[in-house]
Amino acid sequence: MASNGSTWTAKQNKLFENALANFDKNSPDRFHKLAKAVGGNKTVEEVKRHYEKLVEDVNHIESGKVPLPNYGSSNQGYQYMDEAQRMKYLKLQ
């Protein structure tokens, strides 16, 4: 997420995301509750700006303005393993 004038730590972002799940748009005093949940002396205005930036980012992603990363062919990088494959692999180590 791009900067919106204040610095947010990874922990504050996680607290913010969790609080969003608890306080929907119909929650009374939503942004006050979000600011309190985040802590770190974030003001209601900082939380509102952070939320607006998040909405903007999601809209860009959903509209296709943000390209998906190119992970290359399926034989490069991490490949999916089901639980049985993972256990077999771990036993070989």
N, C-alpha and C. Protein backbone atom coordinates (compact mmCIF):
# COMPACT_ATOMS: atom_id res chain seq x y z
N MET A 1 0.84 -1.17 0.00
CA MET A 1 0.00 0.00 0.00
C MET A 1 0.89 1.23 0.00
N ALA A 2 0.57 2.20 -0.82
CA ALA A 2 1.39 3.40 -0.93
C ALA A 2 1.25 4.27 0.31
N SER A 3 2.24 5.12 0.49
CA SER A 3 2.24 6.00 1.65
C SER A 3 1.12 7.02 1.56
N ASN A 4 0.55 7.37 2.67
CA ASN A 4 -0.51 8.37 2.68
C ASN A 4 -0.18 9.50 3.66
N GLY A 5 1.11 9.71 3.91
CA GLY A 5 1.50 10.79 4.79
C GLY A 5 1.91 10.35 6.17
N SER A 6 1.53 9.16 6.59
CA SER A 6 1.97 8.65 7.88
C SER A 6 2.55 7.26 7.68
N THR A 7 3.43 6.89 8.58
CA THR A 7 4.07 5.59 8.49
C THR A 7 3.26 4.55 9.24
N TRP A 8 3.04 3.43 8.59
CA TRP A 8 2.31 2.32 9.18
C TRP A 8 3.22 1.11 9.21
N THR A 9 3.34 0.50 10.35
CA THR A 9 4.15 -0.71 10.46
C THR A 9 3.33 -1.91 9.96
N ALA A 10 4.01 -3.02 9.72
CA ALA A 10 3.31 -4.24 9.31
C ALA A 10 2.31 -4.66 10.39
N LYS A 11 2.71 -4.50 11.65
CA LYS A 11 1.82 -4.86 12.76
C LYS A 11 0.57 -3.98 12.76
N GLN A 12 0.75 -2.67 12.55
CA GLN A 12 -0.40 -1.76 12.52
C GLN A 12 -1.31 -2.09 11.35
N ASN A 13 -0.73 -2.43 10.20
CA ASN A 13 -1.54 -2.82 9.05
C ASN A 13 -2.37 -4.06 9.36
N LYS A 14 -1.77 -5.03 10.01
CA LYS A 14 -2.48 -6.26 10.37
C LYS A 14 -3.61 -5.95 11.36
N LEU A 15 -3.31 -5.13 12.36
CA LEU A 15 -4.35 -4.72 13.31
C LEU A 15 -5.49 -3.98 12.60
N PHE A 16 -5.13 -3.14 11.65
CA PHE A 16 -6.11 -2.40 10.86
C PHE A 16 -7.00 -3.36 10.07
N GLU A 17 -6.39 -4.32 9.39
CA GLU A 17 -7.15 -5.29 8.60
C GLU A 17 -8.09 -6.11 9.48
N ASN A 18 -7.58 -6.55 10.63
CA ASN A 18 -8.43 -7.32 11.56
C ASN A 18 -9.59 -6.47 12.08
N ALA A 19 -9.31 -5.21 12.38
CA ALA A 19 -10.36 -4.32 12.88
C ALA A 19 -11.41 -4.07 11.80
N LEU A 20 -10.99 -3.97 10.55
CA LEU A 20 -11.95 -3.78 9.46
C LEU A 20 -12.94 -4.94 9.40
N ALA A 21 -12.46 -6.13 9.70
CA ALA A 21 -13.34 -7.31 9.69
C ALA A 21 -14.36 -7.23 10.83
N ASN A 22 -14.01 -6.56 11.91
CA ASN A 22 -14.89 -6.46 13.08
C ASN A 22 -15.85 -5.27 13.02
N PHE A 23 -15.44 -4.21 12.36
CA PHE A 23 -16.24 -2.99 12.32
C PHE A 23 -16.60 -2.66 10.88
N ASP A 24 -17.79 -3.10 10.45
CA ASP A 24 -18.20 -2.85 9.07
C ASP A 24 -18.65 -1.40 8.90
N LYS A 25 -19.03 -1.07 7.67
CA LYS A 25 -19.37 0.33 7.36
C LYS A 25 -20.56 0.85 8.14
N ASN A 26 -21.36 -0.03 8.72
CA ASN A 26 -22.52 0.40 9.50
C ASN A 26 -22.23 0.54 10.99
N SER A 27 -21.00 0.25 11.40
CA SER A 27 -20.64 0.35 12.81
C SER A 27 -20.61 1.81 13.25
N PRO A 28 -21.30 2.14 14.35
CA PRO A 28 -21.22 3.52 14.86
C PRO A 28 -19.79 3.85 15.25
N ASP A 29 -19.36 5.05 14.94
CA ASP A 29 -18.01 5.53 15.27
C ASP A 29 -16.94 4.59 14.74
N ARG A 30 -17.15 4.08 13.53
CA ARG A 30 -16.25 3.09 12.94
C ARG A 30 -14.79 3.53 12.95
N PHE A 31 -14.50 4.73 12.48
CA PHE A 31 -13.11 5.14 12.36
C PHE A 31 -12.47 5.42 13.71
N HIS A 32 -13.25 5.80 14.70
CA HIS A 32 -12.72 5.93 16.06
C HIS A 32 -12.32 4.55 16.58
N LYS A 33 -13.17 3.57 16.32
CA LYS A 33 -12.88 2.21 16.77
C LYS A 33 -11.67 1.63 16.03
N LEU A 34 -11.56 1.91 14.74
CA LEU A 34 -10.41 1.44 13.97
C LEU A 34 -9.12 2.07 14.50
N ALA A 35 -9.15 3.37 14.76
CA ALA A 35 -7.97 4.06 15.27
C ALA A 35 -7.55 3.48 16.62
N LYS A 36 -8.51 3.22 17.47
CA LYS A 36 -8.20 2.65 18.79
C LYS A 36 -7.61 1.24 18.64
N ALA A 37 -8.16 0.45 17.71
CA ALA A 37 -7.67 -0.91 17.51
C ALA A 37 -6.25 -0.93 16.96
N VAL A 38 -5.92 0.03 16.12
CA VAL A 38 -4.58 0.09 15.53
C VAL A 38 -3.56 0.54 16.57
N GLY A 39 -3.95 1.49 17.39
CA GLY A 39 -3.03 2.00 18.40
C GLY A 39 -1.94 2.84 17.75
N GLY A 40 -0.83 2.99 18.45
CA GLY A 40 0.29 3.75 17.89
C GLY A 40 -0.01 5.21 17.68
N ASN A 41 -0.98 5.72 18.41
CA ASN A 41 -1.34 7.14 18.32
C ASN A 41 -1.82 7.56 16.93
N LYS A 42 -2.45 6.64 16.19
CA LYS A 42 -3.03 6.99 14.90
C LYS A 42 -4.30 7.79 15.14
N THR A 43 -4.43 8.89 14.40
CA THR A 43 -5.62 9.71 14.51
C THR A 43 -6.73 9.13 13.64
N VAL A 44 -7.94 9.59 13.91
CA VAL A 44 -9.07 9.17 13.10
C VAL A 44 -8.85 9.58 11.65
N GLU A 45 -8.31 10.76 11.43
CA GLU A 45 -8.05 11.23 10.06
C GLU A 45 -7.01 10.36 9.35
N GLU A 46 -5.96 9.95 10.06
CA GLU A 46 -4.95 9.06 9.47
C GLU A 46 -5.57 7.72 9.09
N VAL A 47 -6.44 7.22 9.95
CA VAL A 47 -7.11 5.94 9.68
C VAL A 47 -8.05 6.08 8.48
N LYS A 48 -8.77 7.19 8.39
CA LYS A 48 -9.65 7.42 7.24
C LYS A 48 -8.85 7.46 5.94
N ARG A 49 -7.72 8.19 5.95
CA ARG A 49 -6.89 8.27 4.74
C ARG A 49 -6.34 6.90 4.37
N HIS A 50 -5.93 6.13 5.37
CA HIS A 50 -5.40 4.79 5.13
C HIS A 50 -6.50 3.90 4.52
N TYR A 51 -7.70 4.01 5.03
CA TYR A 51 -8.83 3.24 4.50
C TYR A 51 -9.13 3.66 3.05
N GLU A 52 -9.16 4.95 2.80
CA GLU A 52 -9.44 5.44 1.44
C GLU A 52 -8.38 4.96 0.45
N LYS A 53 -7.13 4.91 0.89
CA LYS A 53 -6.06 4.42 0.03
C LYS A 53 -6.24 2.92 -0.23
N LEU A 54 -6.63 2.18 0.78
CA LEU A 54 -6.89 0.75 0.62
C LEU A 54 -8.01 0.53 -0.40
N VAL A 55 -9.09 1.28 -0.28
CA VAL A 55 -10.21 1.16 -1.23
C VAL A 55 -9.73 1.48 -2.64
N GLU A 56 -8.93 2.52 -2.77
CA GLU A 56 -8.38 2.90 -4.08
C GLU A 56 -7.53 1.77 -4.66
N ASP A 57 -6.66 1.19 -3.83
CA ASP A 57 -5.81 0.09 -4.28
C ASP A 57 -6.64 -1.11 -4.73
N VAL A 58 -7.66 -1.46 -3.95
CA VAL A 58 -8.52 -2.60 -4.30
C VAL A 58 -9.25 -2.31 -5.62
N ASN A 59 -9.73 -1.10 -5.79
CA ASN A 59 -10.41 -0.74 -7.04
C ASN A 59 -9.48 -0.86 -8.24
N HIS A 60 -8.22 -0.45 -8.07
CA HIS A 60 -7.25 -0.58 -9.16
C HIS A 60 -7.00 -2.05 -9.50
N ILE A 61 -6.88 -2.87 -8.49
CA ILE A 61 -6.65 -4.30 -8.71
C ILE A 61 -7.85 -4.91 -9.43
N GLU A 62 -9.05 -4.63 -8.93
CA GLU A 62 -10.26 -5.21 -9.51
C GLU A 62 -10.53 -4.72 -10.92
N SER A 63 -10.10 -3.52 -11.25
CA SER A 63 -10.32 -2.97 -12.60
C SER A 63 -9.24 -3.40 -13.58
N GLY A 64 -8.24 -4.14 -13.10
CA GLY A 64 -7.18 -4.62 -13.99
C GLY A 64 -6.06 -3.63 -14.21
N LYS A 65 -6.04 -2.54 -13.47
CA LYS A 65 -4.99 -1.54 -13.63
C LYS A 65 -3.67 -1.97 -13.02
N VAL A 66 -3.71 -2.99 -12.17
CA VAL A 66 -2.49 -3.52 -11.56
C VAL A 66 -2.24 -4.89 -12.19
N PRO A 67 -1.14 -5.03 -12.95
CA PRO A 67 -0.90 -6.32 -13.62
C PRO A 67 -0.54 -7.41 -12.62
N LEU A 68 -0.97 -8.62 -12.93
CA LEU A 68 -0.59 -9.76 -12.12
C LEU A 68 0.87 -10.07 -12.36
N PRO A 69 1.59 -10.53 -11.35
CA PRO A 69 3.00 -10.85 -11.53
C PRO A 69 3.18 -12.04 -12.47
N ASN A 70 4.30 -12.05 -13.18
CA ASN A 70 4.63 -13.15 -14.08
C ASN A 70 5.52 -14.11 -13.31
N TYR A 71 4.98 -15.26 -12.96
CA TYR A 71 5.72 -16.24 -12.18
C TYR A 71 6.50 -17.21 -13.06
N GLY A 72 6.41 -17.08 -14.36
CA GLY A 72 7.13 -17.99 -15.25
C GLY A 72 6.37 -19.28 -15.44
N SER A 73 7.05 -20.24 -16.07
CA SER A 73 6.39 -21.51 -16.35
C SER A 73 6.23 -22.32 -15.08
N SER A 74 5.44 -23.38 -15.16
CA SER A 74 5.13 -24.17 -13.97
C SER A 74 6.33 -24.95 -13.45
N ASN A 75 7.40 -25.07 -14.23
CA ASN A 75 8.57 -25.81 -13.75
C ASN A 75 9.59 -24.90 -13.07
N GLN A 76 9.26 -23.65 -12.85
CA GLN A 76 10.15 -22.72 -12.17
C GLN A 76 9.55 -22.32 -10.84
N GLY A 77 10.39 -22.09 -9.85
CA GLY A 77 9.92 -21.60 -8.57
C GLY A 77 9.17 -22.64 -7.79
N TYR A 78 8.37 -22.18 -6.86
CA TYR A 78 7.62 -23.04 -5.95
C TYR A 78 6.50 -23.74 -6.70
N GLN A 79 6.37 -25.01 -6.47
CA GLN A 79 5.27 -25.77 -7.05
C GLN A 79 4.37 -26.27 -5.93
N TYR A 80 3.10 -26.37 -6.23
CA TYR A 80 2.12 -26.84 -5.25
C TYR A 80 2.37 -28.31 -4.92
N MET A 81 2.29 -28.64 -3.66
CA MET A 81 2.35 -30.03 -3.21
C MET A 81 1.15 -30.28 -2.32
N ASP A 82 0.48 -31.40 -2.57
CA ASP A 82 -0.57 -31.75 -1.64
C ASP A 82 0.08 -32.36 -0.39
N GLU A 83 -0.69 -32.64 0.62
CA GLU A 83 -0.15 -33.10 1.89
C GLU A 83 0.65 -34.40 1.74
N ALA A 84 0.18 -35.34 0.93
CA ALA A 84 0.89 -36.61 0.74
C ALA A 84 2.24 -36.38 0.07
N GLN A 85 2.28 -35.51 -0.94
CA GLN A 85 3.54 -35.20 -1.62
C GLN A 85 4.50 -34.52 -0.65
N ARG A 86 3.99 -33.61 0.15
CA ARG A 86 4.85 -32.88 1.10
C ARG A 86 5.45 -33.85 2.13
N MET A 87 4.66 -34.75 2.63
CA MET A 87 5.16 -35.71 3.61
C MET A 87 6.21 -36.64 2.99
N LYS A 88 5.97 -37.07 1.76
CA LYS A 88 6.94 -37.91 1.07
C LYS A 88 8.26 -37.15 0.89
N TYR A 89 8.17 -35.89 0.51
CA TYR A 89 9.35 -35.06 0.32
C TYR A 89 10.09 -34.88 1.65
N LEU A 90 9.38 -34.62 2.73
CA LEU A 90 10.01 -34.42 4.03
C LEU A 90 10.71 -35.68 4.53
N LYS A 91 10.17 -36.85 4.22
CA LYS A 91 10.78 -38.10 4.63
C LYS A 91 12.10 -38.35 3.90
N LEU A 92 12.24 -37.77 2.71
CA LEU A 92 13.46 -37.95 1.94
C LEU A 92 14.60 -37.07 2.46
N GLN A 93 14.28 -36.08 3.23
CA GLN A 93 15.31 -35.14 3.72
C GLN A 93 16.10 -35.68 4.86
